[in-house]
């Protein structure tokens, strides 16, 4: 029986927050891993995660198809984790999450490789959010190039070094008050980064259906207020929680999207909300906080929940 060491997995975006955890999960299953990133010289910290020679970083830029094709050479499986929360220069939502996804999918198809594409909750081509529309366009391009591809849509992801809980914790260090967008009633279903990484590794193992889309969420649905209260409790800080109407939050975000560091909590054009305002968010990054992607919370699962409690909220095979 063939060993996983005979299987080469190319991970695009493998040096990011989710990427590091995916690489770790794959190493534990003895896959050979090629990490495709823009700056491979800065990805050396990944080496100790695996065995000697198990991880190799190469240069690739999704805006340069030739580099993607080179990164895919001799690969059996491709994983696309590339995504952005804020646009900057040539790094637009469409360029990275739509056209970039298409470039990777076409390279995977040409190499005859299976593809695991990580998208996001709320991906919808009819959304008012540019972020959500670009995610939907990326999914469509992926399935057009690789009909057997697996698409994973995680909810908001938390864990060490995340850009969600850590942003609020950092803001609590410098501000006497924290904002509650829309009163903090918006519901989220955060998912642990290690569980998402495990789901990606399961897809690499072939445990998902060809052409299927899976939405991943954690075991608890929490309001934004509840999440911030948990963060304050863990960091042992007492801060005033100030309700911020959606309209005022949008105006505030229009300025803060240009702010440096921890003040940059929200950026332009990212998500949508249902009419009731009690949606489940995928990411905390929008100049229009009314644009939260909605997610149906259901007890039905399309596969086994992980040992940490992650629930596969839905899994639909492509018609």
Protein backbone atom coordinates (compact mmCIF):
# COMPACT_ATOMS: atom_id res chain seq x y z
CA UNK A 1 0.00 0.00 0.00
CA UNK A 2 1.36 3.43 -1.00
CA UNK A 3 2.55 5.77 1.74
CA UNK A 4 1.42 9.38 1.98
CA UNK A 5 5.10 10.26 1.55
CA UNK A 6 4.59 9.33 -2.09
CA UNK A 7 1.97 12.08 -2.38
CA UNK A 8 3.08 15.66 -3.03
CA UNK A 9 0.66 18.33 -1.83
CA UNK A 10 1.15 21.92 -2.96
CA UNK A 11 -0.30 24.42 -0.50
CA UNK A 12 -0.89 27.92 -1.87
CA UNK A 13 -0.93 30.42 0.98
CA UNK A 14 0.66 27.91 3.34
CA UNK A 15 2.50 30.51 5.42
CA UNK A 16 -0.61 32.32 6.67
CA UNK A 17 -2.65 31.84 9.83
CA UNK A 18 -4.73 28.94 8.49
CA UNK A 19 -1.90 27.77 6.23
CA UNK A 20 0.49 27.05 9.09
CA UNK A 21 -2.11 24.87 10.75
CA UNK A 22 -2.92 23.06 7.50
CA UNK A 23 0.77 22.33 6.92
CA UNK A 24 1.01 20.96 10.48
CA UNK A 25 -2.03 18.70 9.94
CA UNK A 26 -0.61 17.36 6.67
CA UNK A 27 2.79 16.72 8.25
CA UNK A 28 1.16 14.58 10.91
CA UNK A 29 -0.29 12.45 8.10
CA UNK A 30 3.13 12.10 6.45
CA UNK A 31 2.42 13.96 3.20
CA UNK A 32 5.21 15.67 1.30
CA UNK A 33 4.42 19.37 1.24
CA UNK A 34 5.35 22.13 -1.16
CA UNK A 35 4.43 25.53 0.25
CA UNK A 36 3.83 28.05 -2.55
CA UNK A 37 4.19 31.64 -1.32
CA UNK A 38 5.27 35.02 -2.67
CA UNK A 39 8.26 35.24 -0.31
CA UNK A 40 9.64 31.72 0.30
CA UNK A 41 12.69 33.13 2.08
CA UNK A 42 10.35 34.27 4.85
CA UNK A 43 8.68 30.87 5.26
CA UNK A 44 11.63 29.08 6.87
CA UNK A 45 9.80 28.93 10.19
CA UNK A 46 7.59 26.20 8.72
CA UNK A 47 10.48 23.73 8.44
CA UNK A 48 10.48 22.55 12.09
CA UNK A 49 6.80 21.59 11.79
CA UNK A 50 7.68 18.50 9.74
CA UNK A 51 10.42 15.94 9.35
CA UNK A 52 13.68 16.73 7.59
CA UNK A 53 12.94 17.38 3.93
CA UNK A 54 9.17 17.02 4.31
CA UNK A 55 8.41 20.71 3.69
CA UNK A 56 9.78 22.76 0.82
CA UNK A 57 8.88 26.39 0.09
CA UNK A 58 8.77 27.74 -3.47
CA UNK A 59 7.99 31.12 -4.99
CA UNK A 60 4.57 31.63 -6.56
CA UNK A 61 2.37 34.62 -7.26
CA UNK A 62 -1.25 34.13 -8.29
CA UNK A 63 -0.98 37.14 -10.60
CA UNK A 64 1.70 35.29 -12.57
CA UNK A 65 0.26 32.04 -13.97
CA UNK A 66 3.69 30.66 -14.98
CA UNK A 67 4.80 30.66 -11.34
CA UNK A 68 1.63 28.80 -10.33
CA UNK A 69 2.17 26.19 -13.04
CA UNK A 70 5.77 25.72 -11.87
CA UNK A 71 4.63 25.30 -8.27
CA UNK A 72 2.17 22.61 -9.39
CA UNK A 73 4.74 20.56 -11.27
CA UNK A 74 4.55 16.85 -10.27
CA UNK A 75 1.96 17.64 -7.56
CA UNK A 76 -0.84 15.20 -6.83
CA UNK A 77 -3.03 17.56 -4.78
CA UNK A 78 -3.38 21.34 -4.59
CA UNK A 79 -4.81 23.34 -1.69
CA UNK A 80 -5.80 26.96 -2.20
CA UNK A 81 -5.82 28.99 1.02
CA UNK A 82 -5.07 32.36 -0.58
CA UNK A 83 -7.40 35.14 0.48
CA UNK A 84 -7.43 38.72 1.73
CA UNK A 85 -9.63 40.66 4.15
CA UNK A 86 -8.70 44.10 2.84
CA UNK A 87 -7.84 45.33 -0.63
CA UNK A 88 -4.50 47.02 -1.21
CA UNK A 89 -3.13 48.14 -4.56
CA UNK A 90 -3.16 45.27 -7.04
CA UNK A 91 -4.32 42.92 -4.27
CA UNK A 92 -8.04 43.36 -4.90
CA UNK A 93 -10.78 40.89 -3.95
CA UNK A 94 -11.38 39.98 -7.59
CA UNK A 95 -7.68 39.65 -8.42
CA UNK A 96 -6.92 37.40 -5.45
CA UNK A 97 -10.12 35.50 -4.66
CA UNK A 98 -11.70 35.20 -8.11
CA UNK A 99 -9.01 35.37 -10.79
CA UNK A 100 -6.38 33.96 -8.44
CA UNK A 101 -8.56 30.97 -7.60
CA UNK A 102 -9.16 30.41 -11.32
CA UNK A 103 -5.41 30.47 -12.03
CA UNK A 104 -4.71 27.86 -9.37
CA UNK A 105 -7.62 25.69 -10.50
CA UNK A 106 -6.47 25.73 -14.12
CA UNK A 107 -2.93 24.80 -13.07
CA UNK A 108 -4.29 21.94 -10.95
CA UNK A 109 -6.39 20.72 -13.88
CA UNK A 110 -3.42 20.82 -16.23
CA UNK A 111 -1.37 18.82 -13.71
CA UNK A 112 -4.17 16.29 -13.22
CA UNK A 113 -4.24 17.10 -9.51
CA UNK A 114 -7.15 17.05 -7.08
CA UNK A 115 -8.03 20.47 -5.65
CA UNK A 116 -9.20 21.55 -2.20
CA UNK A 117 -10.40 25.15 -2.26
CA UNK A 118 -11.01 27.07 0.98
CA UNK A 119 -13.63 29.77 0.44
CA UNK A 120 -15.78 31.44 3.10
CA UNK A 121 -19.23 31.41 4.66
CA UNK A 122 -21.44 33.87 2.84
CA UNK A 123 -19.95 33.41 -0.64
CA UNK A 124 -22.76 34.61 -2.90
CA UNK A 125 -22.63 36.01 -6.42
CA UNK A 126 -25.69 38.16 -5.67
CA UNK A 127 -24.33 39.62 -2.44
CA UNK A 128 -23.98 43.36 -1.91
CA UNK A 129 -20.49 42.62 -0.60
CA UNK A 130 -17.55 42.67 -3.02
CA UNK A 131 -15.76 40.23 -0.74
CA UNK A 132 -18.62 37.70 -0.84
CA UNK A 133 -19.08 38.12 -4.60
CA UNK A 134 -15.38 37.49 -5.23
CA UNK A 135 -15.49 34.35 -3.09
CA UNK A 136 -18.49 33.08 -5.08
CA UNK A 137 -16.76 33.88 -8.37
CA UNK A 138 -13.71 31.95 -7.17
CA UNK A 139 -15.82 28.89 -6.32
CA UNK A 140 -17.51 29.00 -9.74
CA UNK A 141 -14.15 29.22 -11.53
CA UNK A 142 -12.74 26.37 -9.44
CA UNK A 143 -15.60 23.99 -10.25
CA UNK A 144 -15.47 24.95 -13.93
CA UNK A 145 -11.80 23.97 -14.12
CA UNK A 146 -11.87 21.05 -11.66
CA UNK A 147 -15.44 19.69 -11.31
CA UNK A 148 -14.29 17.18 -8.67
CA UNK A 149 -12.83 19.89 -6.43
CA UNK A 150 -13.75 20.07 -2.75
CA UNK A 151 -14.86 23.49 -1.49
CA UNK A 152 -14.76 24.31 2.22
CA UNK A 153 -16.52 27.37 3.65
CA UNK A 154 -15.39 28.03 7.22
CA UNK A 155 -17.15 30.46 9.54
CA UNK A 156 -15.05 33.01 11.44
CA UNK A 157 -11.83 31.20 12.39
CA UNK A 158 -10.17 31.67 15.77
CA UNK A 159 -6.96 30.42 17.32
CA UNK A 160 -3.44 31.52 18.28
CA UNK A 161 -2.36 34.53 16.19
CA UNK A 162 -5.79 35.02 14.62
CA UNK A 163 -6.95 38.42 13.39
CA UNK A 164 -10.30 38.24 15.16
CA UNK A 165 -10.05 37.69 18.90
CA UNK A 166 -6.55 39.15 19.03
CA UNK A 167 -7.69 42.40 17.41
CA UNK A 168 -10.33 42.93 20.10
CA UNK A 169 -7.86 41.95 22.83
CA UNK A 170 -5.32 44.41 21.45
CA UNK A 171 -7.92 47.17 21.18
CA UNK A 172 -8.90 46.52 24.80
CA UNK A 173 -5.32 47.32 25.83
CA UNK A 174 -5.47 50.84 24.45
CA UNK A 175 -9.16 51.78 24.59
CA UNK A 176 -11.45 52.26 27.59
CA UNK A 177 -14.43 51.15 25.50
CA UNK A 178 -15.14 48.58 22.79
CA UNK A 179 -17.74 48.99 20.02
CA UNK A 180 -20.71 46.67 19.67
CA UNK A 181 -21.83 46.93 16.06
CA UNK A 182 -25.62 46.94 15.94
CA UNK A 183 -25.73 46.42 19.70
CA UNK A 184 -23.64 43.25 19.52
CA UNK A 185 -26.62 41.01 18.79
CA UNK A 186 -25.22 39.59 15.53
CA UNK A 187 -24.71 35.85 15.85
CA UNK A 188 -21.51 34.05 14.92
CA UNK A 189 -20.47 30.42 15.01
CA UNK A 190 -16.65 30.58 15.42
CA UNK A 191 -14.62 27.56 14.40
CA UNK A 192 -11.22 26.56 15.80
CA UNK A 193 -8.37 26.86 13.29
CA UNK A 194 -7.06 23.38 14.12
CA UNK A 195 -10.44 21.89 13.25
CA UNK A 196 -10.55 23.68 9.88
CA UNK A 197 -7.03 22.43 9.18
CA UNK A 198 -8.15 18.91 10.07
CA UNK A 199 -11.10 19.25 7.65
CA UNK A 200 -8.69 20.28 4.89
CA UNK A 201 -6.48 17.28 5.65
CA UNK A 202 -9.53 14.99 5.58
CA UNK A 203 -10.36 16.35 2.12
CA UNK A 204 -6.79 15.58 1.04
CA UNK A 205 -7.29 12.04 2.40
CA UNK A 206 -10.28 11.70 0.06
CA UNK A 207 -12.97 11.70 2.76
CA UNK A 208 -15.14 14.27 0.94
CA UNK A 209 -17.45 13.84 -2.03
CA UNK A 210 -16.21 15.00 -5.45
CA UNK A 211 -17.58 18.42 -6.34
CA UNK A 212 -19.08 18.95 -2.88
CA UNK A 213 -19.23 22.16 -0.88
CA UNK A 214 -19.00 21.98 2.93
CA UNK A 215 -19.75 24.77 5.39
CA UNK A 216 -17.81 24.56 8.65
CA UNK A 217 -18.83 26.09 11.97
CA UNK A 218 -18.04 25.58 15.62
CA UNK A 219 -20.38 23.93 18.17
CA UNK A 220 -21.66 27.21 19.67
CA UNK A 221 -23.56 30.13 18.20
CA UNK A 222 -22.53 33.27 20.09
CA UNK A 223 -23.42 36.93 19.79
CA UNK A 224 -20.71 39.51 19.23
CA UNK A 225 -21.36 40.80 22.75
CA UNK A 226 -20.84 37.33 24.23
CA UNK A 227 -17.59 36.88 22.30
CA UNK A 228 -16.18 40.22 23.44
CA UNK A 229 -17.18 39.47 27.03
CA UNK A 230 -15.30 36.15 26.80
CA UNK A 231 -12.22 37.93 25.42
CA UNK A 232 -12.32 40.50 28.22
CA UNK A 233 -12.73 37.76 30.81
CA UNK A 234 -9.74 35.78 29.52
CA UNK A 235 -7.52 38.88 29.33
CA UNK A 236 -8.76 40.00 32.78
CA UNK A 237 -9.85 43.44 31.60
CA UNK A 238 -12.96 45.47 32.31
CA UNK A 239 -14.05 47.73 29.48
CA UNK A 240 -17.21 49.64 28.68
CA UNK A 241 -19.17 48.13 25.78
CA UNK A 242 -20.71 50.82 23.59
CA UNK A 243 -23.51 50.05 21.14
CA UNK A 244 -22.71 51.40 17.69
CA UNK A 245 -25.57 51.74 15.16
CA UNK A 246 -24.87 50.22 11.75
CA UNK A 247 -24.92 53.63 10.01
CA UNK A 248 -22.40 55.14 12.43
CA UNK A 249 -20.23 52.02 12.24
CA UNK A 250 -20.09 52.35 8.46
CA UNK A 251 -18.93 55.96 8.74
CA UNK A 252 -16.34 55.03 11.36
CA UNK A 253 -15.06 52.15 9.24
CA UNK A 254 -14.62 54.40 6.23
CA UNK A 255 -11.90 56.19 8.22
CA UNK A 256 -10.48 53.27 10.23
CA UNK A 257 -9.86 51.13 7.14
CA UNK A 258 -6.83 53.38 6.55
CA UNK A 259 -5.64 53.22 10.16
CA UNK A 260 -2.50 51.25 11.11
CA UNK A 261 -2.20 48.21 13.34
CA UNK A 262 -4.82 47.33 15.92
CA UNK A 263 -7.11 50.25 15.05
CA UNK A 264 -7.82 48.71 11.65
CA UNK A 265 -10.69 46.51 12.77
CA UNK A 266 -12.87 46.87 9.72
CA UNK A 267 -12.35 47.49 6.02
CA UNK A 268 -14.37 48.18 2.94
CA UNK A 269 -16.89 46.04 1.10
CA UNK A 270 -16.82 42.73 2.93
CA UNK A 271 -20.10 41.24 4.10
CA UNK A 272 -23.93 41.19 4.21
CA UNK A 273 -26.63 40.65 6.82
CA UNK A 274 -30.12 39.21 6.78
CA UNK A 275 -33.15 41.41 7.39
CA UNK A 276 -33.33 40.42 11.06
CA UNK A 277 -29.73 41.42 11.70
CA UNK A 278 -28.98 38.09 13.41
CA UNK A 279 -26.64 36.63 10.83
CA UNK A 280 -23.60 34.46 11.32
CA UNK A 281 -20.41 36.21 10.22
CA UNK A 282 -17.46 34.73 8.42
CA UNK A 283 -14.92 37.46 9.05
CA UNK A 284 -14.63 40.72 10.95
CA UNK A 285 -13.63 43.05 8.16
CA UNK A 286 -16.07 45.46 6.54
CA UNK A 287 -16.78 49.10 6.01
CA UNK A 288 -20.44 48.18 5.92
CA UNK A 289 -21.16 46.17 9.10
CA UNK A 290 -24.72 45.51 7.86
CA UNK A 291 -23.21 43.25 5.22
CA UNK A 292 -22.78 40.03 7.20
CA UNK A 293 -23.03 36.73 5.28
CA UNK A 294 -25.87 34.64 6.64
CA UNK A 295 -25.53 30.96 7.48
CA UNK A 296 -28.25 28.50 8.31
CA UNK A 297 -27.42 26.81 11.61
CA UNK A 298 -28.56 23.20 11.56
CA UNK A 299 -27.90 20.07 13.58
CA UNK A 300 -27.67 17.97 10.47
CA UNK A 301 -24.12 17.21 9.38
CA UNK A 302 -22.63 16.07 6.11
CA UNK A 303 -19.83 14.17 7.81
CA UNK A 304 -18.27 13.39 11.15
CA UNK A 305 -17.65 16.27 13.53
CA UNK A 306 -14.04 16.53 14.63
CA UNK A 307 -12.86 15.66 18.11
CA UNK A 308 -12.84 19.36 19.00
CA UNK A 309 -16.52 19.80 18.21
CA UNK A 310 -16.52 21.36 14.75
CA UNK A 311 -19.82 20.81 12.98
CA UNK A 312 -20.12 20.46 9.22
CA UNK A 313 -23.19 22.67 8.87
CA UNK A 314 -23.98 21.60 5.34
CA UNK A 315 -22.44 19.62 2.54
CA UNK A 316 -23.92 19.70 -0.91
CA UNK A 317 -22.63 17.89 -3.96
CA UNK A 318 -22.61 19.74 -7.22
CA UNK A 319 -25.48 18.83 -9.55
